[in-house]
Amino acid sequence: MTHEEILKGLYDETLLGNAPLVLELTNAGLAAGLGPESILFDALIPSLEEVGARFERGDFFVPEMLIAGKAMAGALEVLRPLLALTGAETVGKFLMGTVKGDVHDIGKNLVNIMLEGAGFTVYDLGVNVPPEKFVEQVAEHQPDIVGFSAFLTTTMPMFKANINAIDKAGLRDKVIVMVGGAPVTQEYATAVGADGYAADASTAVRLAKELIKQKRNLVTA
């Protein structure tokens, strides 16, 4: 197979969520001399962007996004150490967790996969994460963005508790705050002082890129 055929195969099979074939083609591409950046930026990321576009149009639904994301996650396991060796630049660092009192993680995990696929370095703190843990990890990893996920209306007030804790630690102006989850609305996100809200994984990735760009432009202005 030519390099072009391998890249096209990776694009098509990621779109279909064919994890075994995506992994096979990733290894075949590396063996044929394709660089890990080329596999990621010329095939996998464009495919996942198309998945996101189809989701937004209503042509794809959550199951299709999940299987495409999982197919890509398998390839990323192989590519991640190689990308680290080449010093490939990431889009940004994203710290993510489900808030204290909440153990739902399907939505969070999907967002994580999509973010990784888009070139972010993701630090996932898991579920039931207390404010002090978020503060500790923001200080340690210095992410561009911290994301809070809540699936229950009863745990949504933790958004404000987390933001207050980060503010008290003197870190609020150093990090962008994004929130999301089934019961969350833009109005609620604005009320608690978050910088961004996304209703789905595809929007979350696009918004994360926009917010980082805006922040970096402000710094350089």
N, C-alpha and C. Protein backbone atom coordinates (compact mmCIF):
# COMPACT_ATOMS: atom_id res chain seq x y z
N MET A 1 0.84 -1.21 0.00
CA MET A 1 0.00 0.00 0.00
C MET A 1 0.87 1.26 0.00
N THR A 2 0.42 2.26 -0.75
CA THR A 2 1.15 3.52 -0.74
C THR A 2 0.80 4.30 0.53
N HIS A 3 1.60 5.34 0.82
CA HIS A 3 1.31 6.18 1.97
C HIS A 3 -0.09 6.80 1.86
N GLU A 4 -0.44 7.24 0.65
CA GLU A 4 -1.75 7.86 0.44
C GLU A 4 -2.88 6.87 0.72
N GLU A 5 -2.70 5.63 0.29
CA GLU A 5 -3.72 4.60 0.51
C GLU A 5 -3.88 4.30 2.01
N ILE A 6 -2.76 4.26 2.71
CA ILE A 6 -2.82 4.01 4.16
C ILE A 6 -3.54 5.15 4.87
N LEU A 7 -3.20 6.39 4.52
CA LEU A 7 -3.84 7.55 5.15
C LEU A 7 -5.33 7.60 4.85
N LYS A 8 -5.69 7.29 3.59
CA LYS A 8 -7.12 7.27 3.23
C LYS A 8 -7.85 6.16 3.99
N GLY A 9 -7.19 5.01 4.12
CA GLY A 9 -7.77 3.90 4.87
C GLY A 9 -7.98 4.27 6.33
N LEU A 10 -7.00 4.94 6.91
CA LEU A 10 -7.12 5.38 8.30
C LEU A 10 -8.28 6.35 8.48
N TYR A 11 -8.40 7.27 7.54
CA TYR A 11 -9.50 8.26 7.59
C TYR A 11 -10.84 7.54 7.52
N ASP A 12 -10.98 6.67 6.53
CA ASP A 12 -12.26 5.98 6.30
C ASP A 12 -12.63 5.05 7.45
N GLU A 13 -11.65 4.28 7.93
CA GLU A 13 -11.94 3.28 8.97
C GLU A 13 -12.18 3.92 10.34
N THR A 14 -11.53 5.07 10.60
CA THR A 14 -11.82 5.81 11.84
C THR A 14 -13.25 6.31 11.81
N LEU A 15 -13.66 6.82 10.66
CA LEU A 15 -15.02 7.30 10.46
C LEU A 15 -16.04 6.19 10.74
N LEU A 16 -15.68 4.98 10.35
CA LEU A 16 -16.57 3.82 10.56
C LEU A 16 -16.44 3.23 11.96
N GLY A 17 -15.39 3.64 12.68
CA GLY A 17 -15.17 3.11 14.03
C GLY A 17 -14.63 1.69 14.02
N ASN A 18 -13.88 1.35 12.97
CA ASN A 18 -13.32 0.00 12.84
C ASN A 18 -11.97 -0.08 13.57
N ALA A 19 -12.03 -0.25 14.89
CA ALA A 19 -10.83 -0.18 15.74
C ALA A 19 -9.71 -1.16 15.32
N PRO A 20 -10.01 -2.44 15.08
CA PRO A 20 -8.92 -3.37 14.72
C PRO A 20 -8.18 -2.94 13.44
N LEU A 21 -8.96 -2.49 12.44
CA LEU A 21 -8.33 -2.09 11.18
C LEU A 21 -7.56 -0.77 11.32
N VAL A 22 -8.08 0.15 12.13
CA VAL A 22 -7.37 1.41 12.38
C VAL A 22 -6.01 1.13 13.02
N LEU A 23 -6.01 0.23 13.98
CA LEU A 23 -4.76 -0.15 14.66
C LEU A 23 -3.80 -0.82 13.67
N GLU A 24 -4.35 -1.71 12.87
CA GLU A 24 -3.54 -2.44 11.87
C GLU A 24 -2.91 -1.45 10.88
N LEU A 25 -3.72 -0.50 10.40
CA LEU A 25 -3.24 0.48 9.42
C LEU A 25 -2.23 1.45 10.05
N THR A 26 -2.42 1.76 11.33
CA THR A 26 -1.46 2.62 12.04
C THR A 26 -0.09 1.95 12.07
N ASN A 27 -0.09 0.68 12.46
CA ASN A 27 1.18 -0.07 12.50
C ASN A 27 1.78 -0.24 11.11
N ALA A 28 0.90 -0.47 10.12
CA ALA A 28 1.37 -0.62 8.74
C ALA A 28 1.98 0.69 8.23
N GLY A 29 1.33 1.80 8.60
CA GLY A 29 1.85 3.11 8.19
C GLY A 29 3.21 3.39 8.77
N LEU A 30 3.38 3.08 10.06
CA LEU A 30 4.67 3.29 10.71
C LEU A 30 5.74 2.41 10.08
N ALA A 31 5.37 1.16 9.80
CA ALA A 31 6.32 0.22 9.19
C ALA A 31 6.71 0.67 7.78
N ALA A 32 5.78 1.37 7.10
CA ALA A 32 6.04 1.83 5.73
C ALA A 32 6.76 3.18 5.70
N GLY A 33 7.08 3.69 6.91
CA GLY A 33 7.84 4.93 6.96
C GLY A 33 7.03 6.20 7.13
N LEU A 34 5.74 6.07 7.39
CA LEU A 34 4.92 7.27 7.66
C LEU A 34 5.25 7.78 9.06
N GLY A 35 5.41 9.07 9.20
CA GLY A 35 5.69 9.65 10.51
C GLY A 35 4.44 9.66 11.37
N PRO A 36 4.59 9.56 12.71
CA PRO A 36 3.42 9.58 13.58
C PRO A 36 2.59 10.87 13.43
N GLU A 37 3.28 12.02 13.17
CA GLU A 37 2.55 13.27 12.98
C GLU A 37 1.66 13.20 11.75
N SER A 38 2.18 12.60 10.68
CA SER A 38 1.40 12.48 9.44
C SER A 38 0.16 11.63 9.66
N ILE A 39 0.32 10.51 10.36
CA ILE A 39 -0.82 9.63 10.65
C ILE A 39 -1.87 10.39 11.47
N LEU A 40 -1.40 11.17 12.45
CA LEU A 40 -2.32 11.90 13.32
C LEU A 40 -2.98 13.08 12.60
N PHE A 41 -2.16 13.94 11.99
CA PHE A 41 -2.68 15.20 11.45
C PHE A 41 -3.23 15.08 10.03
N ASP A 42 -2.80 14.06 9.29
CA ASP A 42 -3.30 13.93 7.91
C ASP A 42 -4.43 12.91 7.77
N ALA A 43 -4.69 12.14 8.81
CA ALA A 43 -5.74 11.11 8.70
C ALA A 43 -6.67 11.07 9.90
N LEU A 44 -6.10 10.85 11.09
CA LEU A 44 -6.94 10.62 12.26
C LEU A 44 -7.71 11.87 12.70
N ILE A 45 -7.02 12.99 12.85
CA ILE A 45 -7.69 14.22 13.28
C ILE A 45 -8.73 14.68 12.25
N PRO A 46 -8.38 14.72 10.94
CA PRO A 46 -9.42 15.10 9.97
C PRO A 46 -10.64 14.18 10.01
N SER A 47 -10.42 12.89 10.25
CA SER A 47 -11.54 11.95 10.34
C SER A 47 -12.43 12.26 11.54
N LEU A 48 -11.79 12.53 12.69
CA LEU A 48 -12.56 12.83 13.89
C LEU A 48 -13.29 14.17 13.75
N GLU A 49 -12.68 15.11 13.03
CA GLU A 49 -13.35 16.40 12.77
C GLU A 49 -14.60 16.17 11.91
N GLU A 50 -14.50 15.24 10.96
CA GLU A 50 -15.66 14.90 10.12
C GLU A 50 -16.74 14.22 10.96
N VAL A 51 -16.32 13.38 11.91
CA VAL A 51 -17.28 12.75 12.83
C VAL A 51 -18.04 13.84 13.58
N GLY A 52 -17.29 14.82 14.09
CA GLY A 52 -17.91 15.94 14.81
C GLY A 52 -18.87 16.72 13.95
N ALA A 53 -18.47 16.98 12.70
CA ALA A 53 -19.33 17.72 11.77
C ALA A 53 -20.62 16.95 11.48
N ARG A 54 -20.49 15.64 11.30
CA ARG A 54 -21.68 14.81 11.04
C ARG A 54 -22.61 14.77 12.25
N PHE A 55 -22.00 14.77 13.45
CA PHE A 55 -22.80 14.78 14.67
C PHE A 55 -23.61 16.09 14.75
N GLU A 56 -22.94 17.20 14.44
CA GLU A 56 -23.61 18.50 14.51
C GLU A 56 -24.72 18.62 13.47
N ARG A 57 -24.55 17.94 12.33
CA ARG A 57 -25.59 17.97 11.28
C ARG A 57 -26.74 17.02 11.59
N GLY A 58 -26.52 16.13 12.57
CA GLY A 58 -27.54 15.15 12.89
C GLY A 58 -27.43 13.87 12.08
N ASP A 59 -26.30 13.71 11.36
CA ASP A 59 -26.08 12.48 10.58
C ASP A 59 -25.48 11.37 11.44
N PHE A 60 -24.73 11.78 12.48
CA PHE A 60 -24.15 10.84 13.43
C PHE A 60 -24.76 11.11 14.81
N PHE A 61 -24.77 10.07 15.65
CA PHE A 61 -25.28 10.23 17.01
C PHE A 61 -24.18 9.79 17.99
N VAL A 62 -24.48 9.84 19.28
CA VAL A 62 -23.45 9.53 20.29
C VAL A 62 -22.78 8.16 20.07
N PRO A 63 -23.53 7.08 19.76
CA PRO A 63 -22.85 5.79 19.55
C PRO A 63 -21.79 5.83 18.45
N GLU A 64 -22.10 6.53 17.34
CA GLU A 64 -21.12 6.62 16.24
C GLU A 64 -19.90 7.42 16.68
N MET A 65 -20.13 8.47 17.46
CA MET A 65 -19.00 9.26 17.97
C MET A 65 -18.13 8.42 18.90
N LEU A 66 -18.80 7.63 19.75
CA LEU A 66 -18.06 6.80 20.70
C LEU A 66 -17.18 5.77 20.01
N ILE A 67 -17.75 5.08 19.01
CA ILE A 67 -16.95 4.02 18.36
C ILE A 67 -15.82 4.60 17.51
N ALA A 68 -16.07 5.77 16.90
CA ALA A 68 -15.00 6.43 16.15
C ALA A 68 -13.90 6.89 17.12
N GLY A 69 -14.32 7.44 18.25
CA GLY A 69 -13.37 7.90 19.25
C GLY A 69 -12.54 6.76 19.81
N LYS A 70 -13.20 5.63 20.04
CA LYS A 70 -12.48 4.47 20.58
C LYS A 70 -11.50 3.90 19.55
N ALA A 71 -11.90 3.92 18.28
CA ALA A 71 -11.01 3.44 17.22
C ALA A 71 -9.75 4.30 17.19
N MET A 72 -9.96 5.62 17.33
CA MET A 72 -8.82 6.52 17.32
C MET A 72 -7.97 6.38 18.58
N ALA A 73 -8.63 6.13 19.72
CA ALA A 73 -7.91 5.98 20.98
C ALA A 73 -6.90 4.83 20.90
N GLY A 74 -7.28 3.76 20.21
CA GLY A 74 -6.38 2.61 20.03
C GLY A 74 -5.13 3.01 19.25
N ALA A 75 -5.33 3.81 18.21
CA ALA A 75 -4.19 4.28 17.41
C ALA A 75 -3.32 5.22 18.23
N LEU A 76 -3.95 6.05 19.06
CA LEU A 76 -3.21 7.02 19.87
C LEU A 76 -2.30 6.32 20.88
N GLU A 77 -2.72 5.14 21.37
CA GLU A 77 -1.88 4.39 22.31
C GLU A 77 -0.52 4.08 21.67
N VAL A 78 -0.57 3.77 20.38
CA VAL A 78 0.67 3.46 19.64
C VAL A 78 1.44 4.74 19.33
N LEU A 79 0.72 5.78 18.94
CA LEU A 79 1.36 7.01 18.46
C LEU A 79 1.89 7.91 19.57
N ARG A 80 1.22 7.89 20.74
CA ARG A 80 1.55 8.86 21.80
C ARG A 80 3.05 8.84 22.17
N PRO A 81 3.63 7.67 22.48
CA PRO A 81 5.06 7.68 22.84
C PRO A 81 5.95 8.13 21.69
N LEU A 82 5.55 7.84 20.47
CA LEU A 82 6.35 8.25 19.30
C LEU A 82 6.26 9.75 19.09
N LEU A 83 5.07 10.30 19.31
CA LEU A 83 4.89 11.75 19.19
C LEU A 83 5.70 12.48 20.25
N ALA A 84 5.76 11.90 21.44
CA ALA A 84 6.55 12.50 22.53
C ALA A 84 8.03 12.56 22.15
N LEU A 85 8.50 11.51 21.49
CA LEU A 85 9.91 11.45 21.07
C LEU A 85 10.22 12.51 20.02
N THR A 86 9.24 12.79 19.14
CA THR A 86 9.48 13.76 18.06
C THR A 86 9.29 15.19 18.55
N GLY A 87 8.76 15.33 19.78
CA GLY A 87 8.52 16.66 20.32
C GLY A 87 7.36 17.37 19.64
N ALA A 88 6.43 16.60 19.10
CA ALA A 88 5.26 17.19 18.43
C ALA A 88 4.51 18.09 19.40
N GLU A 89 4.19 19.27 18.92
CA GLU A 89 3.53 20.26 19.78
C GLU A 89 2.06 19.93 19.97
N THR A 90 1.57 20.08 21.19
CA THR A 90 0.15 19.85 21.42
C THR A 90 -0.60 21.17 21.31
N VAL A 91 -1.91 21.06 21.10
CA VAL A 91 -2.76 22.24 21.00
C VAL A 91 -2.80 22.96 22.34
N GLY A 92 -2.82 22.17 23.41
CA GLY A 92 -2.88 22.73 24.76
C GLY A 92 -3.08 21.61 25.76
N LYS A 93 -3.08 22.00 27.06
CA LYS A 93 -3.26 21.01 28.13
C LYS A 93 -4.65 21.19 28.75
N PHE A 94 -5.35 20.08 28.92
CA PHE A 94 -6.73 20.09 29.42
C PHE A 94 -6.83 19.15 30.62
N LEU A 95 -7.21 19.72 31.77
CA LEU A 95 -7.42 18.93 32.98
C LEU A 95 -8.92 18.70 33.15
N MET A 96 -9.32 17.45 33.32
CA MET A 96 -10.74 17.12 33.29
C MET A 96 -11.13 16.25 34.48
N GLY A 97 -12.34 16.45 34.99
CA GLY A 97 -12.85 15.58 36.04
C GLY A 97 -14.34 15.76 36.26
N THR A 98 -14.98 14.69 36.75
CA THR A 98 -16.38 14.77 37.18
C THR A 98 -16.38 15.25 38.63
N VAL A 99 -17.27 16.20 38.95
CA VAL A 99 -17.23 16.87 40.25
C VAL A 99 -17.57 15.96 41.43
N LYS A 100 -17.26 16.43 42.61
CA LYS A 100 -17.51 15.71 43.85
C LYS A 100 -19.00 15.34 43.97
N GLY A 101 -19.24 14.08 44.36
CA GLY A 101 -20.62 13.61 44.53
C GLY A 101 -21.22 12.98 43.29
N ASP A 102 -20.47 13.03 42.16
CA ASP A 102 -20.99 12.54 40.88
C ASP A 102 -20.03 11.49 40.32
N VAL A 103 -20.58 10.36 39.90
CA VAL A 103 -19.70 9.29 39.39
C VAL A 103 -19.99 8.96 37.92
N HIS A 104 -20.67 9.86 37.22
CA HIS A 104 -20.95 9.63 35.80
C HIS A 104 -19.72 10.03 34.97
N ASP A 105 -19.37 9.18 34.01
CA ASP A 105 -18.16 9.51 33.25
C ASP A 105 -18.23 9.24 31.75
N ILE A 106 -19.37 8.78 31.22
CA ILE A 106 -19.41 8.46 29.78
C ILE A 106 -19.19 9.72 28.94
N GLY A 107 -19.91 10.80 29.29
CA GLY A 107 -19.76 12.05 28.54
C GLY A 107 -18.36 12.60 28.66
N LYS A 108 -17.84 12.59 29.89
CA LYS A 108 -16.48 13.09 30.14
C LYS A 108 -15.46 12.30 29.33
N ASN A 109 -15.61 10.99 29.32
CA ASN A 109 -14.65 10.14 28.60
C ASN A 109 -14.70 10.40 27.10
N LEU A 110 -15.89 10.64 26.58
CA LEU A 110 -16.03 10.92 25.15
C LEU A 110 -15.33 12.25 24.81
N VAL A 111 -15.54 13.25 25.65
CA VAL A 111 -14.88 14.55 25.45
C VAL A 111 -13.36 14.37 25.49
N ASN A 112 -12.87 13.57 26.44
CA ASN A 112 -11.43 13.32 26.55
C ASN A 112 -10.86 12.72 25.27
N ILE A 113 -11.57 11.73 24.73
CA ILE A 113 -11.11 11.07 23.50
C ILE A 113 -11.06 12.07 22.36
N MET A 114 -12.12 12.88 22.24
CA MET A 114 -12.18 13.88 21.17
C MET A 114 -11.07 14.93 21.33
N LEU A 115 -10.82 15.33 22.58
CA LEU A 115 -9.76 16.32 22.83
C LEU A 115 -8.39 15.75 22.47
N GLU A 116 -8.14 14.51 22.88
CA GLU A 116 -6.86 13.87 22.55
C GLU A 116 -6.71 13.75 21.04
N GLY A 117 -7.82 13.38 20.40
CA GLY A 117 -7.80 13.25 18.94
C GLY A 117 -7.52 14.57 18.25
N ALA A 118 -7.90 15.67 18.89
CA ALA A 118 -7.68 17.00 18.31
C ALA A 118 -6.30 17.56 18.64
N GLY A 119 -5.50 16.80 19.40
CA GLY A 119 -4.13 17.22 19.67
C GLY A 119 -3.89 17.79 21.05
N PHE A 120 -4.86 17.66 21.96
CA PHE A 120 -4.68 18.13 23.33
C PHE A 120 -3.98 17.06 24.17
N THR A 121 -3.23 17.50 25.17
CA THR A 121 -2.76 16.60 26.22
C THR A 121 -3.83 16.64 27.30
N VAL A 122 -4.39 15.49 27.64
CA VAL A 122 -5.51 15.44 28.59
C VAL A 122 -5.08 14.76 29.89
N TYR A 123 -5.39 15.41 31.00
CA TYR A 123 -5.17 14.83 32.33
C TYR A 123 -6.56 14.55 32.90
N ASP A 124 -6.91 13.29 33.02
CA ASP A 124 -8.24 12.91 33.51
C ASP A 124 -8.16 12.53 34.99
N LEU A 125 -8.87 13.29 35.83
CA LEU A 125 -8.85 13.02 37.27
C LEU A 125 -9.92 12.02 37.69
N GLY A 126 -10.74 11.57 36.73
CA GLY A 126 -11.76 10.58 37.06
C GLY A 126 -13.05 11.21 37.57
N VAL A 127 -13.70 10.50 38.50
CA VAL A 127 -15.01 10.94 39.00
C VAL A 127 -14.92 11.30 40.50
N ASN A 128 -15.99 11.98 40.96
CA ASN A 128 -16.09 12.32 42.39
C ASN A 128 -14.86 13.10 42.88
N VAL A 129 -14.47 14.09 42.07
CA VAL A 129 -13.24 14.85 42.35
C VAL A 129 -13.55 16.06 43.23
N PRO A 130 -12.97 16.14 44.43
CA PRO A 130 -13.23 17.29 45.32
C PRO A 130 -12.49 18.54 44.85
N PRO A 131 -12.95 19.72 45.29
CA PRO A 131 -12.31 20.98 44.87
C PRO A 131 -10.81 21.03 45.13
N GLU A 132 -10.38 20.52 46.31
CA GLU A 132 -8.95 20.60 46.64
C GLU A 132 -8.09 19.77 45.67
N LYS A 133 -8.66 18.70 45.13
CA LYS A 133 -7.92 17.88 44.16
C LYS A 133 -7.75 18.65 42.85
N PHE A 134 -8.83 19.33 42.42
CA PHE A 134 -8.72 20.16 41.22
C PHE A 134 -7.64 21.23 41.41
N VAL A 135 -7.65 21.89 42.55
CA VAL A 135 -6.67 22.96 42.83
C VAL A 135 -5.25 22.40 42.78
N GLU A 136 -5.05 21.26 43.45
CA GLU A 136 -3.73 20.62 43.51
C GLU A 136 -3.22 20.27 42.10
N GLN A 137 -4.13 19.73 41.28
CA GLN A 137 -3.73 19.29 39.94
C GLN A 137 -3.55 20.45 38.96
N VAL A 138 -4.32 21.52 39.15
CA VAL A 138 -4.13 22.73 38.33
C VAL A 138 -2.75 23.31 38.62
N ALA A 139 -2.38 23.35 39.91
CA ALA A 139 -1.07 23.87 40.30
C ALA A 139 0.06 22.99 39.74
N GLU A 140 -0.17 21.66 39.76
CA GLU A 140 0.88 20.74 39.30
C GLU A 140 1.06 20.73 37.79
N HIS A 141 -0.07 20.61 37.05
CA HIS A 141 0.03 20.44 35.59
C HIS A 141 -0.02 21.74 34.81
N GLN A 142 -0.48 22.82 35.46
CA GLN A 142 -0.61 24.12 34.79
C GLN A 142 -1.31 24.01 33.44
N PRO A 143 -2.53 23.47 33.44
CA PRO A 143 -3.25 23.29 32.18
C PRO A 143 -3.74 24.63 31.62
N ASP A 144 -4.01 24.64 30.32
CA ASP A 144 -4.64 25.81 29.71
C ASP A 144 -6.10 25.89 30.15
N ILE A 145 -6.72 24.71 30.25
CA ILE A 145 -8.15 24.63 30.57
C ILE A 145 -8.39 23.57 31.64
N VAL A 146 -9.31 23.86 32.56
CA VAL A 146 -9.81 22.84 33.48
C VAL A 146 -11.29 22.64 33.17
N GLY A 147 -11.70 21.39 33.07
CA GLY A 147 -13.09 21.07 32.73
C GLY A 147 -13.79 20.36 33.87
N PHE A 148 -14.98 20.85 34.23
CA PHE A 148 -15.80 20.21 35.27
C PHE A 148 -17.02 19.59 34.61
N SER A 149 -17.27 18.32 34.91
CA SER A 149 -18.42 17.61 34.37
C SER A 149 -19.39 17.24 35.50
N ALA A 150 -20.68 17.46 35.26
CA ALA A 150 -21.71 17.07 36.23
C ALA A 150 -22.92 16.51 35.48
N PHE A 151 -23.41 15.38 35.94
CA PHE A 151 -24.56 14.75 35.30
C PHE A 151 -25.83 14.95 36.11
N LEU A 152 -25.68 15.34 37.37
CA LEU A 152 -26.82 15.49 38.27
C LEU A 152 -27.02 16.96 38.64
N THR A 153 -28.28 17.38 38.71
CA THR A 153 -28.56 18.77 39.12
C THR A 153 -28.05 19.02 40.54
N THR A 154 -28.04 17.97 41.36
CA THR A 154 -27.60 18.11 42.76
C THR A 154 -26.09 18.33 42.88
N THR A 155 -25.33 17.96 41.84
CA THR A 155 -23.87 18.15 41.92
C THR A 155 -23.40 19.38 41.14
N MET A 156 -24.29 20.00 40.38
CA MET A 156 -23.91 21.20 39.62
C MET A 156 -23.35 22.34 40.48
N PRO A 157 -23.86 22.54 41.72
CA PRO A 157 -23.29 23.60 42.56
C PRO A 157 -21.78 23.44 42.83
N MET A 158 -21.25 22.23 42.60
CA MET A 158 -19.81 22.02 42.78
C MET A 158 -18.99 22.83 41.77
N PHE A 159 -19.60 23.22 40.65
CA PHE A 159 -18.89 24.08 39.70
C PHE A 159 -18.41 25.34 40.41
N LYS A 160 -19.35 25.97 41.12
CA LYS A 160 -19.04 27.22 41.82
C LYS A 160 -18.03 26.97 42.94
N ALA A 161 -18.20 25.87 43.66
CA ALA A 161 -17.27 25.52 44.75
C ALA A 161 -15.85 25.34 44.19
N ASN A 162 -15.75 24.68 43.04
CA ASN A 162 -14.45 24.45 42.41
C ASN A 162 -13.81 25.76 41.95
N ILE A 163 -14.61 26.61 41.32
CA ILE A 163 -14.10 27.89 40.83
C ILE A 163 -13.64 28.75 42.01
N ASN A 164 -14.43 28.75 43.08
CA ASN A 164 -14.04 29.52 44.28
C ASN A 164 -12.72 29.02 44.86
N ALA A 165 -12.57 27.69 44.88
CA ALA A 165 -11.34 27.09 45.44
C ALA A 165 -10.13 27.46 44.59
N ILE A 166 -10.30 27.43 43.27
CA ILE A 166 -9.20 27.78 42.35
C ILE A 166 -8.87 29.27 42.50
N ASP A 167 -9.91 30.08 42.66
CA ASP A 167 -9.73 31.52 42.85
C ASP A 167 -8.97 31.80 44.15
N LYS A 168 -9.38 31.13 45.22
CA LYS A 168 -8.76 31.31 46.54
C LYS A 168 -7.28 30.92 46.52
N ALA A 169 -6.96 29.93 45.66
CA ALA A 169 -5.56 29.48 45.55
C ALA A 169 -4.73 30.40 44.66
N GLY A 170 -5.38 31.44 44.12
CA GLY A 170 -4.66 32.40 43.28
C GLY A 170 -4.38 31.91 41.88
N LEU A 171 -5.17 30.92 41.42
CA LEU A 171 -4.91 30.31 40.12
C LEU A 171 -5.97 30.65 39.05
N ARG A 172 -7.01 31.38 39.46
CA ARG A 172 -8.14 31.57 38.54
C ARG A 172 -7.75 32.27 37.24
N ASP A 173 -6.87 33.26 37.33
CA ASP A 173 -6.51 34.00 36.11
C ASP A 173 -5.52 33.23 35.23
N LYS A 174 -5.07 32.09 35.73
CA LYS A 174 -4.09 31.29 34.97
C LYS A 174 -4.75 30.17 34.17
N VAL A 175 -6.03 29.93 34.39
CA VAL A 175 -6.67 28.78 33.75
C VAL A 175 -8.07 29.13 33.23
N ILE A 176 -8.40 28.57 32.08
CA ILE A 176 -9.74 28.72 31.50
C ILE A 176 -10.62 27.64 32.13
N VAL A 177 -11.83 27.99 32.51
CA VAL A 177 -12.76 27.02 33.11
C VAL A 177 -13.89 26.70 32.13
N MET A 178 -14.03 25.40 31.82
CA MET A 178 -15.15 24.94 30.99
C MET A 178 -16.01 23.96 31.80
N VAL A 179 -17.32 24.01 31.57
CA VAL A 179 -18.23 23.10 32.27
C VAL A 179 -19.16 22.42 31.27
N GLY A 180 -19.68 21.26 31.69
CA GLY A 180 -20.61 20.54 30.83
C GLY A 180 -21.28 19.40 31.57
N GLY A 181 -22.24 18.77 30.91
CA GLY A 181 -23.00 17.68 31.50
C GLY A 181 -24.46 17.82 31.12
N ALA A 182 -25.18 16.73 31.20
CA ALA A 182 -26.56 16.68 30.71
C ALA A 182 -27.47 17.81 31.21
N PRO A 183 -27.50 18.12 32.52
CA PRO A 183 -28.45 19.14 32.98
C PRO A 183 -27.92 20.58 32.89
N VAL A 184 -26.66 20.73 32.48
CA VAL A 184 -26.03 22.05 32.50
C VAL A 184 -26.51 22.90 31.31
N THR A 185 -26.65 24.19 31.53
CA THR A 185 -27.04 25.13 30.47
C THR A 185 -26.02 26.25 30.38
N GLN A 186 -26.08 26.99 29.28
CA GLN A 186 -25.20 28.15 29.14
C GLN A 186 -25.47 29.17 30.24
N GLU A 187 -26.75 29.35 30.56
CA GLU A 187 -27.13 30.31 31.60
C GLU A 187 -26.49 29.94 32.94
N TYR A 188 -26.53 28.65 33.26
CA TYR A 188 -25.95 28.20 34.54
C TYR A 188 -24.43 28.39 34.53
N ALA A 189 -23.81 28.05 33.41
CA ALA A 189 -22.36 28.20 33.28
C ALA A 189 -21.94 29.66 33.48
N THR A 190 -22.71 30.56 32.88
CA THR A 190 -22.42 32.00 33.02
C THR A 190 -22.61 32.44 34.47
N ALA A 191 -23.67 31.94 35.10
CA ALA A 191 -23.99 32.33 36.48
C ALA A 191 -22.90 31.93 37.46
N VAL A 192 -22.28 30.78 37.24
CA VAL A 192 -21.24 30.33 38.19
C VAL A 192 -19.86 30.89 37.86
N GLY A 193 -19.76 31.58 36.73
CA GLY A 193 -18.48 32.22 36.39
C GLY A 193 -17.55 31.38 35.52
N ALA A 194 -18.11 30.38 34.83
CA ALA A 194 -17.27 29.58 33.92
C ALA A 194 -16.97 30.39 32.65
N ASP A 195 -15.87 30.06 31.99
CA ASP A 195 -15.50 30.76 30.75
C ASP A 195 -16.16 30.14 29.53
N GLY A 196 -16.56 28.87 29.64
CA GLY A 196 -17.16 28.21 28.49
C GLY A 196 -18.05 27.06 28.89
N TYR A 197 -19.04 26.78 28.04
CA TYR A 197 -19.96 25.65 28.24
C TYR A 197 -20.15 24.97 26.90
N ALA A 198 -20.18 23.66 26.91
CA ALA A 198 -20.45 22.89 25.69
C ALA A 198 -21.47 21.81 25.98
N ALA A 199 -22.42 21.67 25.06
CA ALA A 199 -23.48 20.68 25.23
C ALA A 199 -23.07 19.30 24.74
N ASP A 200 -22.01 19.22 23.94
CA ASP A 200 -21.57 17.92 23.42
C ASP A 200 -20.07 17.94 23.17
N ALA A 201 -19.52 16.76 22.92
CA ALA A 201 -18.07 16.61 22.80
C ALA A 201 -17.48 17.39 21.63
N SER A 202 -18.19 17.39 20.53
CA SER A 202 -17.70 18.09 19.34
C SER A 202 -17.59 19.58 19.59
N THR A 203 -18.63 20.15 20.21
CA THR A 203 -18.62 21.59 20.54
C THR A 203 -17.54 21.89 21.56
N ALA A 204 -17.34 20.98 22.51
CA ALA A 204 -16.33 21.18 23.55
C ALA A 204 -14.94 21.35 22.95
N VAL A 205 -14.62 20.53 21.97
CA VAL A 205 -13.30 20.59 21.34
C VAL A 205 -13.13 21.92 20.59
N ARG A 206 -14.15 22.28 19.83
CA ARG A 206 -14.07 23.52 19.05
C ARG A 206 -13.94 24.74 19.98
N LEU A 207 -14.75 24.73 21.05
CA LEU A 207 -14.73 25.85 21.99
C LEU A 207 -13.39 25.92 22.74
N ALA A 208 -12.87 24.77 23.11
CA ALA A 208 -11.58 24.73 23.82
C ALA A 208 -10.49 25.38 22.97
N LYS A 209 -10.48 25.06 21.68
CA LYS A 209 -9.48 25.65 20.78
C LYS A 209 -9.67 27.16 20.69
N GLU A 210 -10.92 27.60 20.58
CA GLU A 210 -11.22 29.03 20.47
C GLU A 210 -10.79 29.79 21.72
N LEU A 211 -11.10 29.23 22.90
CA LEU A 211 -10.79 29.90 24.16
C LEU A 211 -9.28 30.02 24.37
N ILE A 212 -8.54 28.97 24.00
CA ILE A 212 -7.08 29.02 24.13
C ILE A 212 -6.51 30.08 23.18
N LYS A 213 -7.04 30.10 21.97
CA LYS A 213 -6.58 31.09 20.98
C LYS A 213 -6.81 32.52 21.48
N GLN A 214 -8.02 32.75 22.02
CA GLN A 214 -8.36 34.08 22.54
C GLN A 214 -7.41 34.48 23.67
N LYS A 215 -7.15 33.53 24.57
CA LYS A 215 -6.29 33.82 25.73
C LYS A 215 -4.87 34.13 25.27
N ARG A 216 -4.36 33.34 24.32
CA ARG A 216 -2.99 33.57 23.84
C ARG A 216 -2.88 34.89 23.08
N ASN A 217 -3.94 35.25 22.37
CA ASN A 217 -3.94 36.54 21.66
C ASN A 217 -3.91 37.70 22.64
N LEU A 218 -4.61 37.54 23.77
CA LEU A 218 -4.63 38.58 24.80
C LEU A 218 -3.24 38.76 25.41
N VAL A 219 -2.57 37.62 25.62
CA VAL A 219 -1.24 37.64 26.23
C VAL A 219 -0.23 38.35 25.31
N THR A 220 -0.36 38.08 24.00
CA THR A 220 0.60 38.65 23.06
C THR A 220 0.23 40.07 22.62
N ALA A 221 -1.01 40.46 22.91
CA ALA A 221 -1.46 41.81 22.49
C ALA A 221 -0.76 42.90 23.28
